[in-house]
Amino acid sequence: MNRILFALVSAFLLVPPAQADTPWTLVATHPHDATAFTEGLFYHDGALYESTGLEGQSDIRKVALKTGKVLRRRIIDPPYFGEGIVNWGDKLVSLTWRHRRGFVWNLADFAPLSDFRYDGEGWGMTQDGRSLIMSDGTAQLRFLDPDSLAEQRRITVTWNGRAVDRLNELEYVKGEVWANIWYDTRIARIDPATGAVIDWIDVSRLRKAAGVTDSEAVANGIAYDAAKDRVFITGKNWPKLFEIKLAPKP
């Protein structure tokens, strides 16, 4: 094998295999509060739980899936900018953006229980049944003890060896961490053991279907109903919430 051919073959072998975006189909469309600047979302016991941002407009809420009606609401007092939320047992844990302070609420009635501190910014949250998982706008995910809320470990999220930053809203789906990427219409499917992105879910046509044009109306909201294997997607100030289903593996 001559040197040129060897170099070409070697370069080819070093290039990671191309992966197509994960295919999906639209199952249903539900109403969503277009005034909600969505920062966090999860599904629990038949209802959606959502957190909204913007200083002076932040809240946590329980929402009826089929109608989009707000069933319960708790205002987050200024100057806090609400961010990600997650359930743990009979509690709800929420983050704030730049104040390095999170809150713990009673899940049933949103009564305040306690608060906690963390370094850096608070963005998204989810949980894997063992730890709470938090994003901070970088390429890192933090794993927190669900009771003490102390940090246990971190992973760096990468795609073909390069860090993927601006990780935003999170959801745990069938052993993977799914993450919205701020100002991107792709959702990263992340291996929580290594941080490697398994593949991407392109939801650009959902943003188009939502009819939003403001640059701030980004995709940001993933919820998973494990019992019925349903995935819900929305975004900031989207008037619609979409149910999608991934195509089965070949």
C-alpha atoms as a PDB file:
ATOM      1  CA  MET A   1       0.000   0.000   0.000  1.00  0.00           C
ATOM      2  CA  ASN A   2       1.553   3.331  -1.030  1.00  0.00           C
ATOM      3  CA  ARG A   3       1.785   6.216   1.394  1.00  0.00           C
ATOM      4  CA  ILE A   4      -1.048   8.240  -0.167  1.00  0.00           C
ATOM      5  CA  LEU A   5      -3.441   5.309  -0.172  1.00  0.00           C
ATOM      6  CA  PHE A   6      -2.443   4.421   3.398  1.00  0.00           C
ATOM      7  CA  ALA A   7      -3.111   7.990   4.520  1.00  0.00           C
ATOM      8  CA  LEU A   8      -6.534   8.000   2.843  1.00  0.00           C
ATOM      9  CA  VAL A   9      -7.523   4.661   4.386  1.00  0.00           C
ATOM     10  CA  SER A  10      -6.268   5.732   7.809  1.00  0.00           C
ATOM     11  CA  ALA A  11      -8.190   8.991   7.629  1.00  0.00           C
ATOM     12  CA  PHE A  12     -11.341   7.102   6.642  1.00  0.00           C
ATOM     13  CA  LEU A  13     -11.000   4.711   9.565  1.00  0.00           C
ATOM     14  CA  LEU A  14     -10.580   7.600  11.993  1.00  0.00           C
ATOM     15  CA  VAL A  15     -13.799   9.318  10.877  1.00  0.00           C
ATOM     16  CA  PRO A  16     -16.691   8.247  13.146  1.00  0.00           C
ATOM     17  CA  PRO A  17     -19.628   6.684  11.320  1.00  0.00           C
ATOM     18  CA  ALA A  18     -22.349   9.131  10.294  1.00  0.00           C
ATOM     19  CA  GLN A  19     -25.624   8.785  12.141  1.00  0.00           C
ATOM     20  CA  ALA A  20     -28.985   9.950  10.873  1.00  0.00           C
ATOM     21  CA  ASP A  21     -31.298  11.774  13.249  1.00  0.00           C
ATOM     22  CA  THR A  22     -33.628   9.469  15.164  1.00  0.00           C
ATOM     23  CA  PRO A  23     -36.893   9.207  13.168  1.00  0.00           C
ATOM     24  CA  TRP A  24     -40.179   9.948  14.898  1.00  0.00           C
ATOM     25  CA  THR A  25     -43.857  10.412  14.156  1.00  0.00           C
ATOM     26  CA  LEU A  26     -46.376  12.922  15.495  1.00  0.00           C
ATOM     27  CA  VAL A  27     -49.082  11.216  17.548  1.00  0.00           C
ATOM     28  CA  ALA A  28     -51.166  14.090  18.934  1.00  0.00           C
ATOM     29  CA  THR A  29     -51.278  17.842  19.480  1.00  0.00           C
ATOM     30  CA  HIS A  30     -52.501  19.427  22.715  1.00  0.00           C
ATOM     31  CA  PRO A  31     -53.042  23.073  23.732  1.00  0.00           C
ATOM     32  CA  HIS A  32     -50.304  24.847  25.672  1.00  0.00           C
ATOM     33  CA  ASP A  33     -50.259  28.234  27.387  1.00  0.00           C
ATOM     34  CA  ALA A  34     -48.586  30.569  24.899  1.00  0.00           C
ATOM     35  CA  THR A  35     -47.633  32.940  27.728  1.00  0.00           C
ATOM     36  CA  ALA A  36     -45.579  30.215  29.440  1.00  0.00           C
ATOM     37  CA  PHE A  37     -41.837  30.803  29.020  1.00  0.00           C
ATOM     38  CA  THR A  38     -41.196  27.108  29.575  1.00  0.00           C
ATOM     39  CA  GLU A  39     -38.045  26.170  31.492  1.00  0.00           C
ATOM     40  CA  GLY A  40     -38.933  22.766  32.955  1.00  0.00           C
ATOM     41  CA  LEU A  41     -41.460  20.019  32.269  1.00  0.00           C
ATOM     42  CA  PHE A  42     -42.299  16.534  33.517  1.00  0.00           C
ATOM     43  CA  TYR A  43     -45.278  14.160  33.530  1.00  0.00           C
ATOM     44  CA  HIS A  44     -46.562  12.599  36.756  1.00  0.00           C
ATOM     45  CA  ASP A  45     -49.780  10.809  37.708  1.00  0.00           C
ATOM     46  CA  GLY A  46     -51.792  11.955  34.715  1.00  0.00           C
ATOM     47  CA  ALA A  47     -50.729  15.613  34.673  1.00  0.00           C
ATOM     48  CA  LEU A  48     -47.931  17.797  33.414  1.00  0.00           C
ATOM     49  CA  TYR A  49     -45.812  19.833  35.803  1.00  0.00           C
ATOM     50  CA  GLU A  50     -44.178  22.907  34.331  1.00  0.00           C
ATOM     51  CA  SER A  51     -41.912  25.721  35.427  1.00  0.00           C
ATOM     52  CA  THR A  52     -41.706  29.074  33.686  1.00  0.00           C
ATOM     53  CA  GLY A  53     -39.007  31.707  33.619  1.00  0.00           C
ATOM     54  CA  LEU A  54     -38.498  35.459  33.339  1.00  0.00           C
ATOM     55  CA  GLU A  55     -38.036  37.614  36.408  1.00  0.00           C
ATOM     56  CA  GLY A  56     -41.367  38.605  37.892  1.00  0.00           C
ATOM     57  CA  GLN A  57     -43.228  36.059  35.750  1.00  0.00           C
ATOM     58  CA  SER A  58     -41.762  32.775  37.001  1.00  0.00           C
ATOM     59  CA  ASP A  59     -43.931  30.058  38.473  1.00  0.00           C
ATOM     60  CA  ILE A  60     -44.376  26.319  38.901  1.00  0.00           C
ATOM     61  CA  ARG A  61     -47.665  24.823  37.794  1.00  0.00           C
ATOM     62  CA  LYS A  62     -49.680  21.638  37.426  1.00  0.00           C
ATOM     63  CA  VAL A  63     -51.337  21.461  34.018  1.00  0.00           C
ATOM     64  CA  ALA A  64     -54.080  19.305  32.509  1.00  0.00           C
ATOM     65  CA  LEU A  65     -52.655  17.518  29.480  1.00  0.00           C
ATOM     66  CA  LYS A  66     -55.704  17.522  27.210  1.00  0.00           C
ATOM     67  CA  THR A  67     -56.851  21.089  27.831  1.00  0.00           C
ATOM     68  CA  GLY A  68     -53.690  22.926  28.853  1.00  0.00           C
ATOM     69  CA  LYS A  69     -55.609  24.337  31.825  1.00  0.00           C
ATOM     70  CA  VAL A  70     -53.489  25.355  34.816  1.00  0.00           C
ATOM     71  CA  LEU A  71     -54.758  23.304  37.762  1.00  0.00           C
ATOM     72  CA  ARG A  72     -52.387  24.652  40.418  1.00  0.00           C
ATOM     73  CA  ARG A  73     -49.850  27.465  40.393  1.00  0.00           C
ATOM     74  CA  ARG A  74     -47.162  28.821  42.697  1.00  0.00           C
ATOM     75  CA  ILE A  75     -45.469  32.147  41.975  1.00  0.00           C
ATOM     76  CA  ILE A  76     -41.675  32.278  42.290  1.00  0.00           C
ATOM     77  CA  ASP A  77     -40.998  35.586  43.994  1.00  0.00           C
ATOM     78  CA  PRO A  78     -38.766  38.186  42.285  1.00  0.00           C
ATOM     79  CA  PRO A  79     -35.889  38.509  41.719  1.00  0.00           C
ATOM     80  CA  TYR A  80     -35.731  34.794  40.934  1.00  0.00           C
ATOM     81  CA  PHE A  81     -35.849  33.528  37.357  1.00  0.00           C
ATOM     82  CA  GLY A  82     -37.395  30.052  37.447  1.00  0.00           C
ATOM     83  CA  GLU A  83     -35.662  27.188  35.687  1.00  0.00           C
ATOM     84  CA  GLY A  84     -35.775  23.368  35.702  1.00  0.00           C
ATOM     85  CA  ILE A  85     -37.989  21.208  37.932  1.00  0.00           C
ATOM     86  CA  VAL A  86     -38.126  17.544  38.901  1.00  0.00           C
ATOM     87  CA  ASN A  87     -40.190  15.342  41.183  1.00  0.00           C
ATOM     88  CA  TRP A  88     -38.708  13.144  43.899  1.00  0.00           C
ATOM     89  CA  GLY A  89     -41.131  11.183  46.059  1.00  0.00           C
ATOM     90  CA  ASP A  90     -43.680  13.613  47.449  1.00  0.00           C
ATOM     91  CA  LYS A  91     -41.485  16.634  46.692  1.00  0.00           C
ATOM     92  CA  LEU A  92     -40.809  18.926  43.761  1.00  0.00           C
ATOM     93  CA  VAL A  93     -37.345  20.442  43.340  1.00  0.00           C
ATOM     94  CA  SER A  94     -36.827  23.622  41.310  1.00  0.00           C
ATOM     95  CA  LEU A  95     -33.833  25.670  40.164  1.00  0.00           C
ATOM     96  CA  THR A  96     -33.286  29.359  39.537  1.00  0.00           C
ATOM     97  CA  TRP A  97     -31.072  30.764  36.822  1.00  0.00           C
ATOM     98  CA  ARG A  98     -28.336  32.975  38.255  1.00  0.00           C
ATOM     99  CA  HIS A  99     -29.073  33.226  41.968  1.00  0.00           C
ATOM    100  CA  ARG A 100     -27.440  29.870  42.815  1.00  0.00           C
ATOM    101  CA  ARG A 101     -30.482  28.918  44.823  1.00  0.00           C
ATOM    102  CA  GLY A 102     -32.953  26.086  44.442  1.00  0.00           C
ATOM    103  CA  PHE A 103     -36.213  25.347  46.217  1.00  0.00           C
ATOM    104  CA  VAL A 104     -37.990  22.242  47.496  1.00  0.00           C
ATOM    105  CA  TRP A 105     -41.792  22.193  47.446  1.00  0.00           C
ATOM    106  CA  ASN A 106     -44.527  19.820  48.491  1.00  0.00           C
ATOM    107  CA  LEU A 107     -45.594  18.119  45.252  1.00  0.00           C
ATOM    108  CA  ALA A 108     -49.250  17.900  46.287  1.00  0.00           C
ATOM    109  CA  ASP A 109     -49.908  21.590  47.000  1.00  0.00           C
ATOM    110  CA  PHE A 110     -46.637  23.429  46.166  1.00  0.00           C
ATOM    111  CA  ALA A 111     -46.156  24.489  49.768  1.00  0.00           C
ATOM    112  CA  PRO A 112     -42.532  25.593  50.325  1.00  0.00           C
ATOM    113  CA  LEU A 113     -40.383  23.153  52.320  1.00  0.00           C
ATOM    114  CA  SER A 114     -36.739  24.232  52.067  1.00  0.00           C
ATOM    115  CA  ASP A 115     -34.058  25.681  49.821  1.00  0.00           C
ATOM    116  CA  PHE A 116     -30.509  24.756  48.810  1.00  0.00           C
ATOM    117  CA  ARG A 117     -27.444  26.271  47.165  1.00  0.00           C
ATOM    118  CA  TYR A 118     -25.286  25.344  44.201  1.00  0.00           C
ATOM    119  CA  ASP A 119     -22.402  26.864  42.256  1.00  0.00           C
ATOM    120  CA  GLY A 120     -22.917  28.333  38.811  1.00  0.00           C
ATOM    121  CA  GLU A 121     -26.219  28.609  37.002  1.00  0.00           C
ATOM    122  CA  GLY A 122     -29.333  26.435  37.185  1.00  0.00           C
ATOM    123  CA  TRP A 123     -30.912  25.300  33.902  1.00  0.00           C
ATOM    124  CA  GLY A 124     -32.648  21.907  33.539  1.00  0.00           C
ATOM    125  CA  MET A 125     -33.484  18.979  35.830  1.00  0.00           C
ATOM    126  CA  THR A 126     -34.551  15.352  35.658  1.00  0.00           C
ATOM    127  CA  GLN A 127     -33.992  12.160  37.674  1.00  0.00           C
ATOM    128  CA  ASP A 128     -33.065   8.550  36.970  1.00  0.00           C
ATOM    129  CA  GLY A 129     -34.558   6.925  40.076  1.00  0.00           C
ATOM    130  CA  ARG A 130     -31.257   7.192  41.950  1.00  0.00           C
ATOM    131  CA  SER A 131     -30.000  10.750  41.454  1.00  0.00           C
ATOM    132  CA  LEU A 132     -31.301  14.133  40.395  1.00  0.00           C
ATOM    133  CA  ILE A 133     -29.623  15.314  37.190  1.00  0.00           C
ATOM    134  CA  MET A 134     -28.982  19.002  36.595  1.00  0.00           C
ATOM    135  CA  SER A 135     -27.746  21.080  33.655  1.00  0.00           C
ATOM    136  CA  ASP A 136     -26.083  24.466  34.051  1.00  0.00           C
ATOM    137  CA  GLY A 137     -25.839  25.796  30.487  1.00  0.00           C
ATOM    138  CA  THR A 138     -22.454  24.213  29.849  1.00  0.00           C
ATOM    139  CA  ALA A 139     -21.583  20.777  28.446  1.00  0.00           C
ATOM    140  CA  GLN A 140     -21.697  19.240  31.918  1.00  0.00           C
ATOM    141  CA  LEU A 141     -24.430  17.355  33.719  1.00  0.00           C
ATOM    142  CA  ARG A 142     -24.363  17.182  37.518  1.00  0.00           C
ATOM    143  CA  PHE A 143     -25.730  14.241  39.484  1.00  0.00           C
ATOM    144  CA  LEU A 144     -27.125  15.215  42.894  1.00  0.00           C
ATOM    145  CA  ASP A 145     -28.073  13.199  45.939  1.00  0.00           C
ATOM    146  CA  PRO A 146     -31.907  13.462  45.940  1.00  0.00           C
ATOM    147  CA  ASP A 147     -32.114  13.881  49.710  1.00  0.00           C
ATOM    148  CA  SER A 148     -29.145  16.082  50.625  1.00  0.00           C
ATOM    149  CA  LEU A 149     -28.966  17.710  47.142  1.00  0.00           C
ATOM    150  CA  ALA A 150     -25.184  17.487  47.382  1.00  0.00           C
ATOM    151  CA  GLU A 151     -23.316  16.932  44.139  1.00  0.00           C
ATOM    152  CA  GLN A 152     -22.217  13.327  43.573  1.00  0.00           C
ATOM    153  CA  ARG A 153     -20.465  13.482  40.210  1.00  0.00           C
ATOM    154  CA  ARG A 154     -20.377  15.176  36.823  1.00  0.00           C
ATOM    155  CA  ILE A 155     -20.121  14.067  33.229  1.00  0.00           C
ATOM    156  CA  THR A 156     -19.202  16.068  30.137  1.00  0.00           C
ATOM    157  CA  VAL A 157     -21.543  15.588  27.198  1.00  0.00           C
ATOM    158  CA  THR A 158     -19.763  15.027  23.883  1.00  0.00           C
ATOM    159  CA  TRP A 159     -20.591  14.289  20.253  1.00  0.00           C
ATOM    160  CA  ASN A 160     -17.788  12.673  18.246  1.00  0.00           C
ATOM    161  CA  GLY A 161     -15.360  13.771  20.942  1.00  0.00           C
ATOM    162  CA  ARG A 162     -16.438  17.411  21.028  1.00  0.00           C
ATOM    163  CA  ALA A 163     -18.200  18.993  23.986  1.00  0.00           C
ATOM    164  CA  VAL A 164     -21.889  19.834  23.512  1.00  0.00           C
ATOM    165  CA  ASP A 165     -22.657  22.965  25.491  1.00  0.00           C
ATOM    166  CA  ARG A 166     -25.860  24.932  26.165  1.00  0.00           C
ATOM    167  CA  LEU A 167     -27.561  21.839  27.607  1.00  0.00           C
ATOM    168  CA  ASN A 168     -30.970  23.016  28.757  1.00  0.00           C
ATOM    169  CA  GLU A 169     -34.204  21.202  29.726  1.00  0.00           C
ATOM    170  CA  LEU A 170     -33.712  17.528  30.585  1.00  0.00           C
ATOM    171  CA  GLU A 171     -35.750  14.314  30.648  1.00  0.00           C
ATOM    172  CA  TYR A 172     -34.819  10.737  31.515  1.00  0.00           C
ATOM    173  CA  VAL A 173     -36.163   8.343  28.865  1.00  0.00           C
ATOM    174  CA  LYS A 174     -35.498   4.588  28.887  1.00  0.00           C
ATOM    175  CA  GLY A 175     -32.029   4.801  30.359  1.00  0.00           C
ATOM    176  CA  GLU A 176     -31.005   7.911  28.400  1.00  0.00           C
ATOM    177  CA  VAL A 177     -30.854  11.582  29.350  1.00  0.00           C
ATOM    178  CA  TRP A 178     -32.523  13.726  26.711  1.00  0.00           C
ATOM    179  CA  ALA A 179     -31.514  17.382  26.563  1.00  0.00           C
ATOM    180  CA  ASN A 180     -32.780  20.404  24.697  1.00  0.00           C
ATOM    181  CA  ILE A 181     -29.932  22.524  23.356  1.00  0.00           C
ATOM    182  CA  TRP A 182     -30.518  26.253  23.793  1.00  0.00           C
ATOM    183  CA  TYR A 183     -31.175  27.902  20.404  1.00  0.00           C
ATOM    184  CA  ASP A 184     -31.121  24.534  18.655  1.00  0.00           C
ATOM    185  CA  THR A 185     -34.028  22.444  17.376  1.00  0.00           C
ATOM    186  CA  ARG A 186     -32.277  19.157  18.154  1.00  0.00           C
ATOM    187  CA  ILE A 187     -32.648  17.071  21.279  1.00  0.00           C
ATOM    188  CA  ALA A 188     -29.525  15.183  22.353  1.00  0.00           C
ATOM    189  CA  ARG A 189     -29.933  11.555  23.464  1.00  0.00           C
ATOM    190  CA  ILE A 190     -27.157  11.122  26.028  1.00  0.00           C
ATOM    191  CA  ASP A 191     -25.569   8.046  27.595  1.00  0.00           C
ATOM    192  CA  PRO A 192     -25.568   8.956  31.325  1.00  0.00           C
ATOM    193  CA  ALA A 193     -22.598   6.669  32.017  1.00  0.00           C
ATOM    194  CA  THR A 194     -20.197   8.256  29.527  1.00  0.00           C
ATOM    195  CA  GLY A 195     -21.775  11.537  28.452  1.00  0.00           C
ATOM    196  CA  ALA A 196     -21.594  10.505  24.787  1.00  0.00           C
ATOM    197  CA  VAL A 197     -24.472  11.617  22.561  1.00  0.00           C
ATOM    198  CA  ILE A 198     -26.095   8.492  21.139  1.00  0.00           C
ATOM    199  CA  ASP A 199     -28.064  10.336  18.464  1.00  0.00           C
ATOM    200  CA  TRP A 200     -30.188  13.433  17.871  1.00  0.00           C
ATOM    201  CA  ILE A 201     -33.913  14.080  17.560  1.00  0.00           C
ATOM    202  CA  ASP A 202     -34.659  16.962  15.201  1.00  0.00           C
ATOM    203  CA  VAL A 203     -37.856  18.753  16.273  1.00  0.00           C
ATOM    204  CA  SER A 204     -37.591  21.684  13.862  1.00  0.00           C
ATOM    205  CA  ARG A 205     -40.891  20.812  12.211  1.00  0.00           C
ATOM    206  CA  LEU A 206     -42.616  20.952  15.613  1.00  0.00           C
ATOM    207  CA  ARG A 207     -41.389  24.495  16.084  1.00  0.00           C
ATOM    208  CA  LYS A 208     -42.779  25.304  12.651  1.00  0.00           C
ATOM    209  CA  ALA A 209     -46.075  23.594  13.527  1.00  0.00           C
ATOM    210  CA  ALA A 210     -46.270  25.639  16.729  1.00  0.00           C
ATOM    211  CA  GLY A 211     -46.356  28.758  14.554  1.00  0.00           C
ATOM    212  CA  VAL A 212     -43.768  30.697  16.565  1.00  0.00           C
ATOM    213  CA  THR A 213     -41.372  33.168  14.972  1.00  0.00           C
ATOM    214  CA  ASP A 214     -39.739  34.939  17.939  1.00  0.00           C
ATOM    215  CA  SER A 215     -36.092  33.909  18.266  1.00  0.00           C
ATOM    216  CA  GLU A 216     -36.599  33.365  22.008  1.00  0.00           C
ATOM    217  CA  ALA A 217     -39.411  30.850  21.400  1.00  0.00           C
ATOM    218  CA  VAL A 218     -37.006  27.933  21.355  1.00  0.00           C
ATOM    219  CA  ALA A 219     -37.783  24.263  21.836  1.00  0.00           C
ATOM    220  CA  ASN A 220     -37.521  23.729  25.580  1.00  0.00           C
ATOM    221  CA  GLY A 221     -39.697  21.153  27.282  1.00  0.00           C
ATOM    222  CA  ILE A 222     -39.542  17.352  27.276  1.00  0.00           C
ATOM    223  CA  ALA A 223     -41.786  15.112  29.374  1.00  0.00           C
ATOM    224  CA  TYR A 224     -42.015  11.317  29.377  1.00  0.00           C
ATOM    225  CA  ASP A 225     -44.930   9.160  30.469  1.00  0.00           C
ATOM    226  CA  ALA A 226     -43.172   5.862  31.218  1.00  0.00           C
ATOM    227  CA  ALA A 227     -46.391   3.953  31.903  1.00  0.00           C
ATOM    228  CA  LYS A 228     -47.757   4.609  28.413  1.00  0.00           C
ATOM    229  CA  ASP A 229     -44.423   5.229  26.653  1.00  0.00           C
ATOM    230  CA  ARG A 230     -45.412   8.737  25.558  1.00  0.00           C
ATOM    231  CA  VAL A 231     -43.067  11.660  24.859  1.00  0.00           C
ATOM    232  CA  PHE A 232     -44.308  15.263  25.034  1.00  0.00           C
ATOM    233  CA  ILE A 233     -42.464  18.199  23.457  1.00  0.00           C
ATOM    234  CA  THR A 234     -43.056  21.940  23.716  1.00  0.00           C
ATOM    235  CA  GLY A 235     -41.132  25.207  23.831  1.00  0.00           C
ATOM    236  CA  LYS A 236     -41.015  28.692  25.253  1.00  0.00           C
ATOM    237  CA  ASN A 237     -44.261  30.524  24.446  1.00  0.00           C
ATOM    238  CA  TRP A 238     -45.447  27.724  22.176  1.00  0.00           C
ATOM    239  CA  PRO A 239     -49.266  27.538  21.931  1.00  0.00           C
ATOM    240  CA  LYS A 240     -49.050  23.785  21.373  1.00  0.00           C
ATOM    241  CA  LEU A 241     -47.652  20.720  23.093  1.00  0.00           C
ATOM    242  CA  PHE A 242     -46.868  17.730  20.888  1.00  0.00           C
ATOM    243  CA  GLU A 243     -46.891  14.007  21.575  1.00  0.00           C
ATOM    244  CA  ILE A 244     -44.356  12.107  19.488  1.00  0.00           C
ATOM    245  CA  LYS A 245     -43.273   8.499  19.163  1.00  0.00           C
ATOM    246  CA  LEU A 246     -39.830   7.343  18.082  1.00  0.00           C
ATOM    247  CA  ALA A 247     -39.682   4.881  15.225  1.00  0.00           C
ATOM    248  CA  PRO A 248     -38.904   1.322  16.379  1.00  0.00           C
ATOM    249  CA  LYS A 249     -35.330   0.143  15.973  1.00  0.00           C
ATOM    250  CA  PRO A 250     -34.823  -1.863  12.772  1.00  0.00           C
END
